[in-house]
Amino acid sequence: MDRLPEEDSLFFQRLQDYVGDPLHLYGSVNRWDYFPQASDVDAAIFTSSMDSTVARALAFLQLPRTQIKEFHQTFSMRDQSVIHGRKLKHEAHPPFDLFIYHEKDRERVLENLRQSNQLPWFLVSLMFVLKSLYYRFHLIPKSWFVYCKNFLYYSYFNSTLRFYNKTMSNTVIL
């Protein structure tokens, strides 16, 4: 939580304490393409009691149950096994996506999170430029930003260079 502003770091610590399971922050918050006042934070929790963890997270954030979505996720074209979980999108400050996984999927998910934390310099550089265009200079619309970001990640994690569309997504949120 070193890259986070102190107030955000304390927020995530309180969330972790309240939920009772370790919170794993991943993605740009662990790389130099993180924009503190603009980037959202990606977080994961592993639990043996999905319903209880979801209820505690919603209670802490004072959100209705409708804020939780079910997701089905694969990590690459090579590994098509599906992981199921819940996702909560918190849009107030600090903005973050909380993915709640079953404990049995911990090792596979953590390996994927490690990969997203250790992207090669050229990909992080491209992400920094893309985020600068969107967050700092406001030169591209959100739809272009999301498309380009998804294209870069999909191409890297699947070792293929092709135009991205939603049917190629590795995560389906219901």
Protein backbone atom coordinates (compact mmCIF):
# COMPACT_ATOMS: atom_id res chain seq x y z
CA MET A 1 0.00 0.00 0.00
CA ASP A 2 3.08 2.21 -0.34
CA ARG A 3 1.93 4.04 -3.47
CA LEU A 4 -1.44 4.96 -2.01
CA PRO A 5 -2.06 8.27 -0.32
CA GLU A 6 -2.06 7.73 3.46
CA GLU A 7 -5.81 8.31 3.77
CA ASP A 8 -6.51 5.62 1.12
CA SER A 9 -4.05 3.22 2.70
CA LEU A 10 -5.83 3.59 6.06
CA PHE A 11 -9.20 3.03 4.36
CA PHE A 12 -8.05 -0.28 2.85
CA GLN A 13 -6.53 -1.34 6.17
CA ARG A 14 -9.86 -0.68 7.93
CA LEU A 15 -11.72 -2.61 5.20
CA GLN A 16 -9.35 -5.55 5.61
CA ASP A 17 -9.74 -5.50 9.41
CA TYR A 18 -13.53 -5.32 9.17
CA VAL A 19 -13.87 -8.11 6.59
CA GLY A 20 -11.40 -10.29 8.46
CA ASP A 21 -9.53 -11.64 5.43
CA PRO A 22 -6.26 -10.30 3.96
CA LEU A 23 -6.75 -7.77 1.16
CA HIS A 24 -4.43 -8.15 -1.84
CA LEU A 25 -3.93 -4.96 -3.85
CA TYR A 26 -2.70 -5.56 -7.38
CA GLY A 27 -2.29 -3.92 -10.76
CA SER A 28 -1.12 -0.37 -11.38
CA VAL A 29 -1.14 0.51 -7.66
CA ASN A 30 2.00 -1.68 -7.52
CA ARG A 31 3.61 -0.21 -10.65
CA TRP A 32 4.71 3.23 -11.79
CA ASP A 33 1.71 3.70 -14.11
CA TYR A 34 -0.53 4.39 -11.10
CA PHE A 35 -2.13 7.87 -11.01
CA PRO A 36 -3.06 8.51 -7.33
CA GLN A 37 -5.93 10.93 -7.98
CA ALA A 38 -7.33 9.09 -11.02
CA SER A 39 -6.55 5.36 -11.14
CA ASP A 40 -8.88 2.97 -9.42
CA VAL A 41 -7.41 0.26 -7.20
CA ASP A 42 -7.84 -3.45 -7.84
CA ALA A 43 -8.19 -5.61 -4.73
CA ALA A 44 -8.76 -9.31 -4.10
CA ILE A 45 -9.92 -11.25 -1.07
CA PHE A 46 -9.89 -15.03 -0.65
CA THR A 47 -12.49 -16.56 1.60
CA SER A 48 -13.92 -19.88 2.66
CA SER A 49 -17.28 -18.20 3.32
CA MET A 50 -18.34 -16.19 0.27
CA ASP A 51 -21.72 -15.03 1.62
CA SER A 52 -20.29 -13.89 4.94
CA THR A 53 -17.41 -11.98 3.31
CA VAL A 54 -19.76 -10.31 0.83
CA ALA A 55 -22.09 -9.26 3.68
CA ARG A 56 -19.20 -7.81 5.73
CA ALA A 57 -17.80 -5.89 2.74
CA LEU A 58 -21.23 -4.42 1.93
CA ALA A 59 -21.82 -3.51 5.59
CA PHE A 60 -18.45 -1.73 5.87
CA LEU A 61 -19.05 0.21 2.65
CA GLN A 62 -22.75 0.79 3.48
CA LEU A 63 -23.82 -0.46 0.06
CA PRO A 64 -26.91 -2.44 -1.00
CA ARG A 65 -26.60 -6.08 -2.04
CA THR A 66 -27.35 -5.02 -5.64
CA GLN A 67 -23.76 -3.67 -5.81
CA ILE A 68 -22.35 -7.22 -5.85
CA LYS A 69 -22.09 -8.96 -9.22
CA GLU A 70 -21.21 -12.56 -9.92
CA PHE A 71 -18.28 -13.16 -12.27
CA HIS A 72 -16.78 -16.06 -14.19
CA GLN A 73 -13.13 -15.68 -15.13
CA THR A 74 -10.38 -17.41 -17.08
CA PHE A 75 -6.85 -16.05 -17.12
CA SER A 76 -5.65 -16.86 -20.62
CA MET A 77 -6.42 -18.77 -23.79
CA ARG A 78 -4.00 -21.49 -22.60
CA ASP A 79 -5.83 -22.03 -19.30
CA GLN A 80 -9.55 -22.11 -19.99
CA SER A 81 -10.62 -23.38 -16.55
CA VAL A 82 -13.19 -21.07 -15.02
CA ILE A 83 -12.98 -19.38 -11.62
CA HIS A 84 -16.18 -18.03 -10.06
CA GLY A 85 -16.50 -15.21 -7.58
CA ARG A 86 -18.12 -11.89 -6.72
CA LYS A 87 -17.18 -8.35 -7.71
CA LEU A 88 -17.98 -5.10 -5.99
CA LYS A 89 -17.31 -1.78 -7.74
CA HIS A 90 -16.86 1.08 -5.27
CA GLU A 91 -17.13 4.41 -7.06
CA ALA A 92 -16.83 6.77 -4.09
CA HIS A 93 -13.38 7.79 -2.91
CA PRO A 94 -11.21 5.81 -3.06
CA PRO A 95 -12.52 4.11 -6.21
CA PHE A 96 -11.76 0.39 -6.35
CA ASP A 97 -12.86 -2.97 -7.68
CA LEU A 98 -13.03 -5.71 -5.06
CA PHE A 99 -12.90 -9.27 -6.36
CA ILE A 100 -13.91 -11.92 -3.83
CA TYR A 101 -12.58 -15.39 -4.64
CA HIS A 102 -13.06 -18.80 -3.07
CA GLU A 103 -10.11 -19.94 -0.97
CA LYS A 104 -9.66 -23.00 -3.20
CA ASP A 105 -8.67 -20.71 -6.11
CA ARG A 106 -6.03 -18.77 -4.12
CA GLU A 107 -2.86 -20.08 -5.81
CA ARG A 108 -4.12 -19.73 -9.41
CA VAL A 109 -5.43 -16.23 -8.77
CA LEU A 110 -2.34 -15.07 -6.86
CA GLU A 111 -0.14 -16.24 -9.74
CA ASN A 112 -2.21 -14.12 -12.11
CA LEU A 113 -2.02 -11.14 -9.72
CA ARG A 114 1.78 -11.50 -9.55
CA GLN A 115 1.90 -11.40 -13.34
CA SER A 116 -0.20 -8.21 -13.44
CA ASN A 117 2.11 -6.62 -10.85
CA GLN A 118 5.25 -7.49 -12.82
CA LEU A 119 4.44 -6.45 -16.36
CA PRO A 120 7.38 -5.78 -18.69
CA TRP A 121 8.65 -2.19 -18.86
CA PHE A 122 7.38 -1.66 -22.44
CA LEU A 123 3.80 -2.55 -21.46
CA VAL A 124 3.89 -0.39 -18.33
CA SER A 125 5.32 2.45 -20.46
CA LEU A 126 2.46 2.10 -22.95
CA MET A 127 -0.03 2.06 -20.09
CA PHE A 128 1.56 5.20 -18.61
CA VAL A 129 1.22 7.02 -21.94
CA LEU A 130 -2.37 5.83 -22.39
CA LYS A 131 -3.30 6.87 -18.84
CA SER A 132 -1.62 10.25 -19.31
CA LEU A 133 -3.68 10.86 -22.44
CA TYR A 134 -6.86 9.96 -20.58
CA TYR A 135 -6.36 11.03 -16.94
CA ARG A 136 -3.99 13.97 -17.20
CA PHE A 137 -4.55 15.56 -20.61
CA HIS A 138 -8.13 14.41 -21.31
CA LEU A 139 -7.30 13.84 -24.98
CA ILE A 140 -9.14 10.55 -25.47
CA PRO A 141 -12.64 9.45 -24.44
CA LYS A 142 -13.19 6.76 -21.82
CA SER A 143 -14.32 4.26 -24.47
CA TRP A 144 -10.96 4.55 -26.30
CA PHE A 145 -9.06 4.31 -23.03
CA VAL A 146 -10.90 1.14 -21.99
CA TYR A 147 -10.58 -0.42 -25.45
CA CYS A 148 -6.84 0.29 -25.71
CA LYS A 149 -6.17 -0.90 -22.15
CA ASN A 150 -8.08 -4.15 -22.75
CA PHE A 151 -6.34 -4.64 -26.11
CA LEU A 152 -2.88 -4.26 -24.52
CA TYR A 153 -3.64 -6.63 -21.63
CA TYR A 154 -5.39 -9.21 -23.78
CA SER A 155 -2.56 -9.21 -26.33
CA TYR A 156 0.11 -9.55 -23.66
CA PHE A 157 -1.53 -12.24 -21.52
CA ASN A 158 -2.61 -14.31 -24.53
CA SER A 159 0.56 -13.81 -26.62
CA THR A 160 -1.46 -12.70 -29.60
CA LEU A 161 -1.93 -9.43 -31.40
CA ARG A 162 -5.50 -8.97 -32.55
CA PHE A 163 -8.21 -6.40 -32.24
CA TYR A 164 -10.00 -6.73 -28.93
CA ASN A 165 -13.75 -7.11 -28.59
CA LYS A 166 -15.92 -8.06 -25.64
CA THR A 167 -16.42 -11.61 -26.87
CA MET A 168 -12.70 -12.14 -26.22
CA SER A 169 -12.97 -11.04 -22.59
CA ASN A 170 -11.53 -13.34 -19.94
CA THR A 171 -14.03 -12.13 -17.33
CA VAL A 172 -17.81 -12.24 -17.61
CA ILE A 173 -19.69 -10.23 -14.99
CA LEU A 174 -23.36 -11.05 -14.53
